[in-house]
Each structure stands twice: as structure tokens, then as C-alpha cells.
Amino acid sequence: MKAQLVALALVGLAAPAFAQGQPGAEAAAKVVAGTYTVDTDHTQVAWSLDHLGFNVYYGIFGGTTGTLTLDPAKPQSAVVSLTIPIDQVATTSEKLNEHLKSADFFDTAKFPNATFKSTSVVVTGLSAKITGDLTIKGITKPVVLDARFSGAGPNPMSKIETVGFEAQTSIKRSDYGITYALPVLGDEITLNITAAFERRP
């Protein structure tokens, strides 16, 4: 899993070098105004935390759904809403997957989803600070996503207008009532989001 996430990060860093040969180039002029839906199959929320001071441990959430309303003429008016199925948490350990779903951590029987709803967007070039409300286990806290536009244009396979973004933020799990094994197990969680959105007729 660590190798997979490192590979994803390298792909993001290398995007400008490959942009000339890729349909989703980093070209804001290609963005078409409208309401987009999450391309669930190509959107991931990766997380990491300190594992007892020995190493950094990684996991991932898939299956994200949601919408993005975007107008390139008024990027600061963008609105994004995401639903993340926490009950689909995945790591390299099936035993840990089940433990994370238990009441010690996410208690997914009661709280199967996390949500993010933006409240403001501040745009600087191809980057943005997206402030919003993140809800986990029924607890809502404000967070700021450091986001970057990464590509736009018609998907050559589906022909659907698509836009993509990368984003990162850090949260404290204790803020959301997840206190198992503190302080020996890290409190700060880094979230890395890679998201594609499709504009359907």
C-alpha cells in the first residue's frame, strides 16, 4: 500500500512533464462550467498516521461520491460536497480493517460515512484553499484543504468532460472522538485526496 501511495504522489508531481501527451492537461482554459459528479472509480482518499513512533502507516478510502459546481469565470464560487464511505476502509491487513470499523475507531455500524461540505474557496492561480465542514462519527469540525487543479478536458474513453484536483489536509482523530491507543498511536492524520469529477448532460 505504501508503494502504491508513493506512486500516486510521483504521478502527481510528474504531471506537468507528461501533460503534452495527456488529455487531462493542466489547462484551466479547458474547464467547462457546470455541475460535476464524482468519478467514484478514480477518486481516492488516502490517510496516514504515525505508528507507535516506528513508521508511518497508510490506508485508503474508496467509493467516494459527491458533486462539484464550478464556473471558471468565478472559481471562488465553487461548491464541493463529498460523501466518503468509511465502512470501506482498506489497509494491507484484513484484521486491522475490521478493527478500524469497530467502536474503538470509526464505529461504522453507527457511522458508515464521513462527509465534507465546502463553505468557502480562495483561489490563487491553479491552487485553492477550500474551507469546509468535515463530519466523522457525527462530529463536525472545520478543515482547510490545500487543493490544486490538475487537469481538465474530455475523457478520451468516455467522451465526458472531466476535471481533476489533488488536495491535502491534516486533522486530529481525537477531535472526532477517536481516541483509541492515544498517545502511543499518532493523533494527527494526514489526508491526501485525488479526485476526478465528470460533467454529465
C-alpha atoms as a PDB file:
ATOM      1  CA  MET A   1       0.000   0.000   0.000  1.00  0.00           C
ATOM      2  CA  LYS A   2       2.847   2.381   0.823  1.00  0.00           C
ATOM      3  CA  ALA A   3       4.398   1.784  -2.586  1.00  0.00           C
ATOM      4  CA  GLN A   4       1.038   2.427  -4.250  1.00  0.00           C
ATOM      5  CA  LEU A   5       0.589   5.751  -2.464  1.00  0.00           C
ATOM      6  CA  VAL A   6       4.149   6.821  -3.237  1.00  0.00           C
ATOM      7  CA  ALA A   7       3.487   6.008  -6.882  1.00  0.00           C
ATOM      8  CA  LEU A   8       0.340   8.144  -6.830  1.00  0.00           C
ATOM      9  CA  ALA A   9       2.307  11.032  -5.350  1.00  0.00           C
ATOM     10  CA  LEU A  10       5.017  10.713  -8.003  1.00  0.00           C
ATOM     11  CA  VAL A  11       2.424  10.696 -10.754  1.00  0.00           C
ATOM     12  CA  GLY A  12       1.014  13.947  -9.374  1.00  0.00           C
ATOM     13  CA  LEU A  13       4.471  15.538  -9.239  1.00  0.00           C
ATOM     14  CA  ALA A  14       5.296  14.388 -12.731  1.00  0.00           C
ATOM     15  CA  ALA A  15       2.032  15.606 -14.273  1.00  0.00           C
ATOM     16  CA  PRO A  16       3.451  18.772 -15.876  1.00  0.00           C
ATOM     17  CA  ALA A  17       6.166  16.758 -17.608  1.00  0.00           C
ATOM     18  CA  PHE A  18       3.647  14.422 -19.199  1.00  0.00           C
ATOM     19  CA  ALA A  19       0.921  16.983 -19.817  1.00  0.00           C
ATOM     20  CA  GLN A  20       1.656  17.387 -23.508  1.00  0.00           C
ATOM     21  CA  GLY A  21       0.750  13.767 -24.189  1.00  0.00           C
ATOM     22  CA  GLN A  22      -2.236  13.504 -21.860  1.00  0.00           C
ATOM     23  CA  PRO A  23      -5.817  14.623 -22.456  1.00  0.00           C
ATOM     24  CA  GLY A  24      -6.226  15.892 -18.895  1.00  0.00           C
ATOM     25  CA  ALA A  25      -3.528  18.542 -19.130  1.00  0.00           C
ATOM     26  CA  GLU A  26      -3.117  21.269 -16.522  1.00  0.00           C
ATOM     27  CA  ALA A  27      -5.027  23.807 -18.617  1.00  0.00           C
ATOM     28  CA  ALA A  28      -7.671  25.864 -16.853  1.00  0.00           C
ATOM     29  CA  ALA A  29      -8.981  27.017 -20.228  1.00  0.00           C
ATOM     30  CA  LYS A  30     -10.380  23.531 -20.767  1.00  0.00           C
ATOM     31  CA  VAL A  31     -12.710  23.731 -17.763  1.00  0.00           C
ATOM     32  CA  VAL A  32     -16.381  23.784 -18.732  1.00  0.00           C
ATOM     33  CA  ALA A  33     -18.805  25.434 -16.287  1.00  0.00           C
ATOM     34  CA  GLY A  34     -21.473  23.274 -14.723  1.00  0.00           C
ATOM     35  CA  THR A  35     -22.239  20.725 -12.051  1.00  0.00           C
ATOM     36  CA  TYR A  36     -19.986  17.681 -11.936  1.00  0.00           C
ATOM     37  CA  THR A  37     -20.333  14.368 -10.108  1.00  0.00           C
ATOM     38  CA  VAL A  38     -17.501  12.419  -8.526  1.00  0.00           C
ATOM     39  CA  ASP A  39     -15.905   9.807 -10.752  1.00  0.00           C
ATOM     40  CA  THR A  40     -16.073   7.251  -7.959  1.00  0.00           C
ATOM     41  CA  ASP A  41     -13.795   4.710  -9.634  1.00  0.00           C
ATOM     42  CA  HIS A  42     -10.975   7.250  -9.974  1.00  0.00           C
ATOM     43  CA  THR A  43     -11.250   9.148  -6.696  1.00  0.00           C
ATOM     44  CA  GLN A  44      -9.364   8.127  -3.553  1.00  0.00           C
ATOM     45  CA  VAL A  45      -8.850   9.475  -0.051  1.00  0.00           C
ATOM     46  CA  ALA A  46      -5.566   8.219   1.376  1.00  0.00           C
ATOM     47  CA  TRP A  47      -4.659   8.632   5.028  1.00  0.00           C
ATOM     48  CA  SER A  48      -1.531   8.179   7.100  1.00  0.00           C
ATOM     49  CA  LEU A  49      -0.554   8.323  10.753  1.00  0.00           C
ATOM     50  CA  ASP A  50       2.400   7.679  12.996  1.00  0.00           C
ATOM     51  CA  HIS A  51       2.543   4.009  14.013  1.00  0.00           C
ATOM     52  CA  LEU A  52       3.919   3.915  17.571  1.00  0.00           C
ATOM     53  CA  GLY A  53       6.902   6.038  16.521  1.00  0.00           C
ATOM     54  CA  PHE A  54       8.266   3.208  14.362  1.00  0.00           C
ATOM     55  CA  ASN A  55       6.942   4.130  10.928  1.00  0.00           C
ATOM     56  CA  VAL A  56       4.187   5.879   9.023  1.00  0.00           C
ATOM     57  CA  TYR A  57       1.186   3.678   8.250  1.00  0.00           C
ATOM     58  CA  TYR A  58      -1.107   4.176   5.258  1.00  0.00           C
ATOM     59  CA  GLY A  59      -4.699   3.352   4.422  1.00  0.00           C
ATOM     60  CA  ILE A  60      -7.258   4.367   1.861  1.00  0.00           C
ATOM     61  CA  PHE A  61     -10.950   5.078   1.368  1.00  0.00           C
ATOM     62  CA  GLY A  62     -12.596   4.396  -1.974  1.00  0.00           C
ATOM     63  CA  GLY A  63     -16.169   4.658  -3.158  1.00  0.00           C
ATOM     64  CA  THR A  64     -16.431   8.425  -2.641  1.00  0.00           C
ATOM     65  CA  THR A  65     -19.484  10.149  -4.120  1.00  0.00           C
ATOM     66  CA  GLY A  66     -20.483  13.788  -4.377  1.00  0.00           C
ATOM     67  CA  THR A  67     -20.780  16.868  -6.542  1.00  0.00           C
ATOM     68  CA  LEU A  68     -18.784  19.889  -7.645  1.00  0.00           C
ATOM     69  CA  THR A  69     -20.337  23.068  -9.018  1.00  0.00           C
ATOM     70  CA  LEU A  70     -17.721  25.039 -10.910  1.00  0.00           C
ATOM     71  CA  ASP A  71     -17.535  28.133 -13.122  1.00  0.00           C
ATOM     72  CA  PRO A  72     -14.042  29.003 -14.448  1.00  0.00           C
ATOM     73  CA  ALA A  73     -15.091  32.659 -14.657  1.00  0.00           C
ATOM     74  CA  LYS A  74     -15.848  32.661 -10.913  1.00  0.00           C
ATOM     75  CA  PRO A  75     -13.676  29.916  -9.353  1.00  0.00           C
ATOM     76  CA  GLN A  76     -14.154  31.359  -5.856  1.00  0.00           C
ATOM     77  CA  SER A  77     -17.846  30.434  -6.129  1.00  0.00           C
ATOM     78  CA  ALA A  78     -17.114  26.716  -6.487  1.00  0.00           C
ATOM     79  CA  VAL A  79     -19.006  24.377  -4.151  1.00  0.00           C
ATOM     80  CA  VAL A  80     -17.985  20.806  -3.400  1.00  0.00           C
ATOM     81  CA  SER A  81     -19.766  18.133  -1.387  1.00  0.00           C
ATOM     82  CA  LEU A  82     -18.322  14.665  -0.728  1.00  0.00           C
ATOM     83  CA  THR A  83     -19.539  11.513   0.976  1.00  0.00           C
ATOM     84  CA  ILE A  84     -16.799   9.073   1.962  1.00  0.00           C
ATOM     85  CA  PRO A  85     -17.854   5.515   2.887  1.00  0.00           C
ATOM     86  CA  ILE A  86     -15.742   4.904   5.982  1.00  0.00           C
ATOM     87  CA  ASP A  87     -17.075   1.355   6.155  1.00  0.00           C
ATOM     88  CA  GLN A  88     -14.981   0.636   3.052  1.00  0.00           C
ATOM     89  CA  VAL A  89     -11.671   1.484   4.748  1.00  0.00           C
ATOM     90  CA  ALA A  90      -8.819  -0.580   3.335  1.00  0.00           C
ATOM     91  CA  THR A  91      -5.309  -1.348   4.552  1.00  0.00           C
ATOM     92  CA  THR A  92      -2.933  -4.222   3.894  1.00  0.00           C
ATOM     93  CA  SER A  93      -4.304  -6.040   6.965  1.00  0.00           C
ATOM     94  CA  GLU A  94      -7.794  -7.571   6.973  1.00  0.00           C
ATOM     95  CA  LYS A  95      -7.626  -7.810  10.768  1.00  0.00           C
ATOM     96  CA  LEU A  96      -6.885  -4.102  11.019  1.00  0.00           C
ATOM     97  CA  ASN A  97      -9.653  -3.271   8.539  1.00  0.00           C
ATOM     98  CA  GLU A  98     -12.173  -4.911  10.861  1.00  0.00           C
ATOM     99  CA  HIS A  99     -10.691  -3.214  13.927  1.00  0.00           C
ATOM    100  CA  LEU A 100     -10.927   0.195  12.255  1.00  0.00           C
ATOM    101  CA  LYS A 101     -14.621  -0.429  11.632  1.00  0.00           C
ATOM    102  CA  SER A 102     -15.229  -1.253  15.307  1.00  0.00           C
ATOM    103  CA  ALA A 103     -16.306   1.094  18.102  1.00  0.00           C
ATOM    104  CA  ASP A 104     -12.613   1.555  19.022  1.00  0.00           C
ATOM    105  CA  PHE A 105     -12.211   3.657  15.890  1.00  0.00           C
ATOM    106  CA  PHE A 106     -14.896   4.603  13.336  1.00  0.00           C
ATOM    107  CA  ASP A 107     -17.844   2.567  14.668  1.00  0.00           C
ATOM    108  CA  THR A 108     -19.108   2.139  11.116  1.00  0.00           C
ATOM    109  CA  ALA A 109     -22.202   0.233  12.202  1.00  0.00           C
ATOM    110  CA  LYS A 110     -23.484   3.579  13.513  1.00  0.00           C
ATOM    111  CA  PHE A 111     -21.487   5.977  11.326  1.00  0.00           C
ATOM    112  CA  PRO A 112     -20.827   4.370   7.931  1.00  0.00           C
ATOM    113  CA  ASN A 113     -19.976   7.633   6.164  1.00  0.00           C
ATOM    114  CA  ALA A 114     -17.910  10.766   6.571  1.00  0.00           C
ATOM    115  CA  THR A 115     -18.877  13.949   4.730  1.00  0.00           C
ATOM    116  CA  PHE A 116     -17.192  17.141   3.580  1.00  0.00           C
ATOM    117  CA  LYS A 117     -19.093  20.252   2.515  1.00  0.00           C
ATOM    118  CA  SER A 118     -17.237  23.363   1.403  1.00  0.00           C
ATOM    119  CA  THR A 119     -18.087  26.755   2.892  1.00  0.00           C
ATOM    120  CA  SER A 120     -15.591  28.987   1.053  1.00  0.00           C
ATOM    121  CA  VAL A 121     -12.960  28.827  -1.671  1.00  0.00           C
ATOM    122  CA  VAL A 122      -9.965  31.152  -2.044  1.00  0.00           C
ATOM    123  CA  VAL A 123      -8.210  30.723  -5.394  1.00  0.00           C
ATOM    124  CA  THR A 124      -4.621  31.654  -6.237  1.00  0.00           C
ATOM    125  CA  GLY A 125      -3.704  30.657  -9.757  1.00  0.00           C
ATOM    126  CA  LEU A 126      -4.128  26.893 -10.059  1.00  0.00           C
ATOM    127  CA  SER A 127      -4.225  26.419  -6.270  1.00  0.00           C
ATOM    128  CA  ALA A 128      -7.007  26.987  -3.761  1.00  0.00           C
ATOM    129  CA  LYS A 129      -7.745  26.962  -0.053  1.00  0.00           C
ATOM    130  CA  ILE A 130     -11.052  25.138   0.321  1.00  0.00           C
ATOM    131  CA  THR A 131     -12.585  25.617   3.744  1.00  0.00           C
ATOM    132  CA  GLY A 132     -15.380  23.296   4.742  1.00  0.00           C
ATOM    133  CA  ASP A 133     -17.064  21.150   7.361  1.00  0.00           C
ATOM    134  CA  LEU A 134     -15.763  17.611   7.831  1.00  0.00           C
ATOM    135  CA  THR A 135     -18.088  15.260   9.688  1.00  0.00           C
ATOM    136  CA  ILE A 136     -16.805  11.981  11.146  1.00  0.00           C
ATOM    137  CA  LYS A 137     -18.735   9.887  13.695  1.00  0.00           C
ATOM    138  CA  GLY A 138     -21.406  12.584  13.823  1.00  0.00           C
ATOM    139  CA  ILE A 139     -18.890  15.253  14.880  1.00  0.00           C
ATOM    140  CA  THR A 140     -18.385  18.241  12.579  1.00  0.00           C
ATOM    141  CA  LYS A 141     -15.209  20.329  12.534  1.00  0.00           C
ATOM    142  CA  PRO A 142     -13.918  22.966  10.095  1.00  0.00           C
ATOM    143  CA  VAL A 143     -10.947  21.964   7.943  1.00  0.00           C
ATOM    144  CA  VAL A 144      -8.977  23.621   5.155  1.00  0.00           C
ATOM    145  CA  LEU A 145      -7.970  21.649   2.077  1.00  0.00           C
ATOM    146  CA  ASP A 146      -4.865  22.760   0.214  1.00  0.00           C
ATOM    147  CA  ALA A 147      -6.043  21.949  -3.294  1.00  0.00           C
ATOM    148  CA  ARG A 148      -4.526  22.176  -6.758  1.00  0.00           C
ATOM    149  CA  PHE A 149      -6.197  21.925 -10.122  1.00  0.00           C
ATOM    150  CA  SER A 150      -4.522  19.101 -12.044  1.00  0.00           C
ATOM    151  CA  GLY A 151      -6.365  18.685 -15.327  1.00  0.00           C
ATOM    152  CA  ALA A 152      -9.463  19.149 -17.449  1.00  0.00           C
ATOM    153  CA  GLY A 153     -10.911  18.120 -20.770  1.00  0.00           C
ATOM    154  CA  PRO A 154     -12.976  15.409 -22.450  1.00  0.00           C
ATOM    155  CA  ASN A 155     -12.145  11.911 -21.244  1.00  0.00           C
ATOM    156  CA  PRO A 156     -10.912  10.153 -24.414  1.00  0.00           C
ATOM    157  CA  MET A 157     -12.584   6.904 -23.381  1.00  0.00           C
ATOM    158  CA  SER A 158     -15.979   8.082 -22.155  1.00  0.00           C
ATOM    159  CA  LYS A 159     -16.024  11.454 -24.014  1.00  0.00           C
ATOM    160  CA  ILE A 160     -17.308  13.028 -20.774  1.00  0.00           C
ATOM    161  CA  GLU A 161     -15.981  16.433 -19.693  1.00  0.00           C
ATOM    162  CA  THR A 162     -13.755  15.783 -16.670  1.00  0.00           C
ATOM    163  CA  VAL A 163     -11.811  17.892 -14.179  1.00  0.00           C
ATOM    164  CA  GLY A 164      -9.293  16.708 -11.612  1.00  0.00           C
ATOM    165  CA  PHE A 165      -7.864  18.012  -8.357  1.00  0.00           C
ATOM    166  CA  GLU A 166      -5.338  16.986  -5.717  1.00  0.00           C
ATOM    167  CA  ALA A 167      -5.782  18.118  -2.107  1.00  0.00           C
ATOM    168  CA  GLN A 168      -4.219  17.640   1.297  1.00  0.00           C
ATOM    169  CA  THR A 169      -5.087  18.435   4.887  1.00  0.00           C
ATOM    170  CA  SER A 170      -4.291  17.273   8.423  1.00  0.00           C
ATOM    171  CA  ILE A 171      -6.759  16.548  11.197  1.00  0.00           C
ATOM    172  CA  LYS A 172      -6.624  15.205  14.749  1.00  0.00           C
ATOM    173  CA  ARG A 173      -8.585  11.994  15.194  1.00  0.00           C
ATOM    174  CA  SER A 174      -9.208  12.902  18.827  1.00  0.00           C
ATOM    175  CA  ASP A 175     -11.281  15.866  17.592  1.00  0.00           C
ATOM    176  CA  TYR A 176     -13.707  13.300  16.199  1.00  0.00           C
ATOM    177  CA  GLY A 177     -13.887  11.124  19.276  1.00  0.00           C
ATOM    178  CA  ILE A 178     -11.363   8.545  18.028  1.00  0.00           C
ATOM    179  CA  THR A 179      -9.018   8.204  20.982  1.00  0.00           C
ATOM    180  CA  TYR A 180      -8.051   4.514  20.933  1.00  0.00           C
ATOM    181  CA  ALA A 181      -4.382   3.933  21.937  1.00  0.00           C
ATOM    182  CA  LEU A 182      -3.564   7.608  22.400  1.00  0.00           C
ATOM    183  CA  PRO A 183      -0.911   8.891  22.772  1.00  0.00           C
ATOM    184  CA  VAL A 184       1.261   5.977  21.626  1.00  0.00           C
ATOM    185  CA  LEU A 185      -0.625   5.753  18.336  1.00  0.00           C
ATOM    186  CA  GLY A 186      -0.500   9.009  16.414  1.00  0.00           C
ATOM    187  CA  ASP A 187      -3.261  11.592  16.792  1.00  0.00           C
ATOM    188  CA  GLU A 188      -2.546  13.637  13.668  1.00  0.00           C
ATOM    189  CA  ILE A 189      -3.880  12.162  10.436  1.00  0.00           C
ATOM    190  CA  THR A 190      -2.716  13.358   7.039  1.00  0.00           C
ATOM    191  CA  LEU A 191      -5.332  13.117   4.298  1.00  0.00           C
ATOM    192  CA  ASN A 192      -4.355  13.101   0.630  1.00  0.00           C
ATOM    193  CA  ILE A 193      -7.236  13.351  -1.813  1.00  0.00           C
ATOM    194  CA  THR A 194      -7.064  12.683  -5.535  1.00  0.00           C
ATOM    195  CA  ALA A 195     -10.392  13.436  -7.173  1.00  0.00           C
ATOM    196  CA  ALA A 196     -11.891  13.344 -10.650  1.00  0.00           C
ATOM    197  CA  PHE A 197     -15.281  14.872 -11.438  1.00  0.00           C
ATOM    198  CA  GLU A 198     -17.427  14.264 -14.514  1.00  0.00           C
ATOM    199  CA  ARG A 199     -19.877  16.684 -16.123  1.00  0.00           C
ATOM    200  CA  ARG A 200     -22.771  14.639 -17.397  1.00  0.00           C
ATOM    201  CA  PRO A 201     -25.507  16.081 -19.650  1.00  0.00           C
END
